[in-house]
Amino acid sequence: MSAHREDIRNYTAKYFEGKLVDGDLTATIRELRIDSLDLVEFLMALEEKFEIEINPDEIDLDMTLEQFCEVVDGYK
């Protein structure tokens, strides 16, 4: 796993800390009850932190947070 992806995973786990069990990123965005506003705010925070621009059309509520991290890692 790239260092960049590990940074994204850590940031994601910390951001959704209250919704995750032991930092487990295998739950889907929908299962975690992350609503569209939370997701947009998170995408904006990621874009700012990692200086990337994420295409929201590539994000699906049924993807796991691990899959989400893989997609975001592709923007480095």
N, C-alpha and C. Protein backbone atom coordinates (compact mmCIF):
# COMPACT_ATOMS: atom_id res chain seq x y z
N MET A 1 0.86 -1.18 0.00
CA MET A 1 0.00 0.00 0.00
C MET A 1 0.90 1.24 0.00
N SER A 2 0.55 2.18 -0.84
CA SER A 2 1.35 3.40 -0.93
C SER A 2 1.20 4.24 0.34
N ALA A 3 2.20 5.06 0.61
CA ALA A 3 2.14 5.95 1.78
C ALA A 3 0.97 6.92 1.63
N HIS A 4 0.71 7.34 0.39
CA HIS A 4 -0.40 8.26 0.13
C HIS A 4 -1.73 7.60 0.50
N ARG A 5 -1.92 6.34 0.09
CA ARG A 5 -3.17 5.65 0.42
C ARG A 5 -3.29 5.46 1.93
N GLU A 6 -2.18 5.17 2.59
CA GLU A 6 -2.21 5.01 4.05
C GLU A 6 -2.62 6.32 4.72
N ASP A 7 -2.13 7.46 4.21
CA ASP A 7 -2.53 8.77 4.73
C ASP A 7 -4.03 8.99 4.54
N ILE A 8 -4.54 8.61 3.38
CA ILE A 8 -5.97 8.76 3.09
C ILE A 8 -6.78 7.87 4.03
N ARG A 9 -6.34 6.62 4.21
CA ARG A 9 -7.04 5.69 5.10
C ARG A 9 -7.08 6.25 6.52
N ASN A 10 -5.94 6.74 7.01
CA ASN A 10 -5.88 7.28 8.37
C ASN A 10 -6.79 8.50 8.52
N TYR A 11 -6.76 9.38 7.52
CA TYR A 11 -7.60 10.59 7.57
C TYR A 11 -9.09 10.20 7.55
N THR A 12 -9.43 9.24 6.70
CA THR A 12 -10.82 8.79 6.60
C THR A 12 -11.28 8.17 7.92
N ALA A 13 -10.47 7.31 8.49
CA ALA A 13 -10.82 6.66 9.76
C ALA A 13 -10.99 7.70 10.87
N LYS A 14 -10.12 8.69 10.89
CA LYS A 14 -10.23 9.73 11.92
C LYS A 14 -11.47 10.60 11.69
N TYR A 15 -11.75 10.95 10.44
CA TYR A 15 -12.89 11.81 10.11
C TYR A 15 -14.21 11.16 10.53
N PHE A 16 -14.33 9.85 10.29
CA PHE A 16 -15.57 9.14 10.60
C PHE A 16 -15.45 8.30 11.87
N GLU A 17 -14.56 8.71 12.75
CA GLU A 17 -14.25 7.99 13.97
C GLU A 17 -15.50 7.56 14.76
N GLY A 18 -16.46 8.42 14.90
CA GLY A 18 -17.66 8.11 15.67
C GLY A 18 -18.57 7.09 14.99
N LYS A 19 -18.38 6.87 13.70
CA LYS A 19 -19.24 5.95 12.95
C LYS A 19 -18.58 4.60 12.71
N LEU A 20 -17.26 4.52 12.86
CA LEU A 20 -16.53 3.29 12.56
C LEU A 20 -16.29 2.48 13.83
N VAL A 21 -16.18 1.18 13.66
CA VAL A 21 -15.82 0.29 14.76
C VAL A 21 -14.34 -0.05 14.59
N ASP A 22 -13.52 0.38 15.54
CA ASP A 22 -12.08 0.11 15.52
C ASP A 22 -11.41 0.52 14.21
N GLY A 23 -11.85 1.61 13.60
CA GLY A 23 -11.22 2.09 12.37
C GLY A 23 -11.41 1.19 11.17
N ASP A 24 -12.39 0.28 11.23
CA ASP A 24 -12.65 -0.68 10.15
C ASP A 24 -13.28 0.05 8.97
N LEU A 25 -12.63 -0.04 7.81
CA LEU A 25 -13.09 0.67 6.62
C LEU A 25 -13.85 -0.23 5.65
N THR A 26 -14.36 -1.38 6.13
CA THR A 26 -15.05 -2.31 5.24
C THR A 26 -16.55 -2.04 5.13
N ALA A 27 -17.07 -1.16 5.95
CA ALA A 27 -18.49 -0.81 5.86
C ALA A 27 -18.71 0.13 4.68
N THR A 28 -19.89 0.06 4.09
CA THR A 28 -20.20 0.97 2.99
C THR A 28 -20.58 2.34 3.54
N ILE A 29 -20.49 3.32 2.69
CA ILE A 29 -20.88 4.68 3.06
C ILE A 29 -22.33 4.69 3.51
N ARG A 30 -23.18 3.96 2.79
CA ARG A 30 -24.61 3.89 3.14
C ARG A 30 -24.82 3.22 4.50
N GLU A 31 -24.10 2.12 4.77
CA GLU A 31 -24.24 1.41 6.04
C GLU A 31 -23.87 2.29 7.23
N LEU A 32 -22.93 3.19 7.01
CA LEU A 32 -22.50 4.08 8.09
C LEU A 32 -23.44 5.27 8.27
N ARG A 33 -24.47 5.31 7.43
CA ARG A 33 -25.45 6.39 7.49
C ARG A 33 -24.80 7.76 7.31
N ILE A 34 -23.85 7.80 6.38
CA ILE A 34 -23.21 9.06 6.01
C ILE A 34 -24.10 9.70 4.96
N ASP A 35 -24.72 10.82 5.33
CA ASP A 35 -25.64 11.45 4.38
C ASP A 35 -24.87 12.26 3.34
N SER A 36 -25.59 12.73 2.35
CA SER A 36 -24.95 13.41 1.23
C SER A 36 -24.21 14.68 1.66
N LEU A 37 -24.75 15.40 2.63
CA LEU A 37 -24.08 16.61 3.11
C LEU A 37 -22.76 16.25 3.80
N ASP A 38 -22.78 15.22 4.66
CA ASP A 38 -21.54 14.77 5.31
C ASP A 38 -20.52 14.34 4.27
N LEU A 39 -20.98 13.65 3.24
CA LEU A 39 -20.09 13.15 2.21
C LEU A 39 -19.46 14.31 1.43
N VAL A 40 -20.26 15.30 1.07
CA VAL A 40 -19.75 16.47 0.35
C VAL A 40 -18.73 17.22 1.21
N GLU A 41 -19.04 17.40 2.49
CA GLU A 41 -18.11 18.08 3.39
C GLU A 41 -16.80 17.30 3.50
N PHE A 42 -16.91 15.98 3.57
CA PHE A 42 -15.73 15.14 3.66
C PHE A 42 -14.89 15.24 2.38
N LEU A 43 -15.56 15.19 1.22
CA LEU A 43 -14.84 15.32 -0.05
C LEU A 43 -14.09 16.65 -0.13
N MET A 44 -14.74 17.70 0.32
CA MET A 44 -14.10 19.02 0.30
C MET A 44 -12.89 19.05 1.25
N ALA A 45 -13.03 18.44 2.41
CA ALA A 45 -11.92 18.39 3.36
C ALA A 45 -10.75 17.59 2.78
N LEU A 46 -11.06 16.48 2.12
CA LEU A 46 -10.02 15.67 1.49
C LEU A 46 -9.32 16.44 0.38
N GLU A 47 -10.09 17.12 -0.43
CA GLU A 47 -9.52 17.90 -1.53
C GLU A 47 -8.56 18.96 -0.99
N GLU A 48 -8.96 19.60 0.08
CA GLU A 48 -8.11 20.64 0.66
C GLU A 48 -6.86 20.03 1.29
N LYS A 49 -7.01 18.98 2.06
CA LYS A 49 -5.88 18.38 2.76
C LYS A 49 -4.85 17.81 1.79
N PHE A 50 -5.31 17.10 0.75
CA PHE A 50 -4.40 16.42 -0.15
C PHE A 50 -4.17 17.17 -1.47
N GLU A 51 -4.77 18.37 -1.58
CA GLU A 51 -4.60 19.22 -2.76
C GLU A 51 -4.92 18.47 -4.05
N ILE A 52 -6.12 17.90 -4.06
CA ILE A 52 -6.61 17.15 -5.21
C ILE A 52 -8.03 17.63 -5.53
N GLU A 53 -8.53 17.24 -6.68
CA GLU A 53 -9.92 17.52 -7.05
C GLU A 53 -10.59 16.19 -7.37
N ILE A 54 -11.62 15.87 -6.60
CA ILE A 54 -12.29 14.57 -6.70
C ILE A 54 -13.57 14.73 -7.53
N ASN A 55 -13.75 13.85 -8.50
CA ASN A 55 -14.97 13.83 -9.30
C ASN A 55 -16.04 13.10 -8.48
N PRO A 56 -17.07 13.82 -8.02
CA PRO A 56 -18.09 13.18 -7.19
C PRO A 56 -18.87 12.08 -7.90
N ASP A 57 -18.83 12.06 -9.23
CA ASP A 57 -19.53 11.02 -9.98
C ASP A 57 -18.87 9.65 -9.78
N GLU A 58 -17.63 9.63 -9.29
CA GLU A 58 -16.93 8.38 -9.06
C GLU A 58 -17.22 7.79 -7.68
N ILE A 59 -17.95 8.54 -6.87
CA ILE A 59 -18.24 8.10 -5.51
C ILE A 59 -19.65 7.52 -5.48
N ASP A 60 -19.75 6.33 -4.90
CA ASP A 60 -21.01 5.59 -4.83
C ASP A 60 -21.30 5.28 -3.37
N LEU A 61 -22.52 5.49 -2.93
CA LEU A 61 -22.87 5.23 -1.54
C LEU A 61 -22.73 3.76 -1.15
N ASP A 62 -22.68 2.87 -2.14
CA ASP A 62 -22.56 1.45 -1.85
C ASP A 62 -21.11 0.96 -1.86
N MET A 63 -20.16 1.87 -2.05
CA MET A 63 -18.76 1.45 -1.98
C MET A 63 -18.31 1.49 -0.52
N THR A 64 -17.37 0.61 -0.19
CA THR A 64 -16.82 0.63 1.17
C THR A 64 -15.89 1.82 1.30
N LEU A 65 -15.59 2.18 2.53
CA LEU A 65 -14.64 3.27 2.72
C LEU A 65 -13.26 2.87 2.20
N GLU A 66 -12.93 1.59 2.25
CA GLU A 66 -11.66 1.13 1.68
C GLU A 66 -11.65 1.37 0.16
N GLN A 67 -12.75 1.03 -0.52
CA GLN A 67 -12.84 1.28 -1.96
C GLN A 67 -12.77 2.77 -2.25
N PHE A 68 -13.42 3.55 -1.41
CA PHE A 68 -13.39 5.00 -1.53
C PHE A 68 -11.94 5.50 -1.46
N CYS A 69 -11.17 4.96 -0.51
CA CYS A 69 -9.76 5.37 -0.36
C CYS A 69 -8.96 5.02 -1.60
N GLU A 70 -9.26 3.89 -2.22
CA GLU A 70 -8.58 3.49 -3.46
C GLU A 70 -8.86 4.48 -4.57
N VAL A 71 -10.12 4.91 -4.69
CA VAL A 71 -10.49 5.88 -5.73
C VAL A 71 -9.75 7.19 -5.49
N VAL A 72 -9.76 7.67 -4.25
CA VAL A 72 -9.11 8.94 -3.94
C VAL A 72 -7.61 8.84 -4.15
N ASP A 73 -7.02 7.69 -3.86
CA ASP A 73 -5.59 7.49 -4.04
C ASP A 73 -5.21 7.67 -5.52
N GLY A 74 -6.12 7.39 -6.42
CA GLY A 74 -5.87 7.56 -7.84
C GLY A 74 -5.73 9.01 -8.28
N TYR A 75 -6.09 9.94 -7.43
CA TYR A 75 -6.00 11.37 -7.75
C TYR A 75 -4.68 12.00 -7.38
N LYS A 76 -3.76 11.25 -6.80
CA LYS A 76 -2.51 11.84 -6.33
C LYS A 76 -1.68 12.43 -7.44
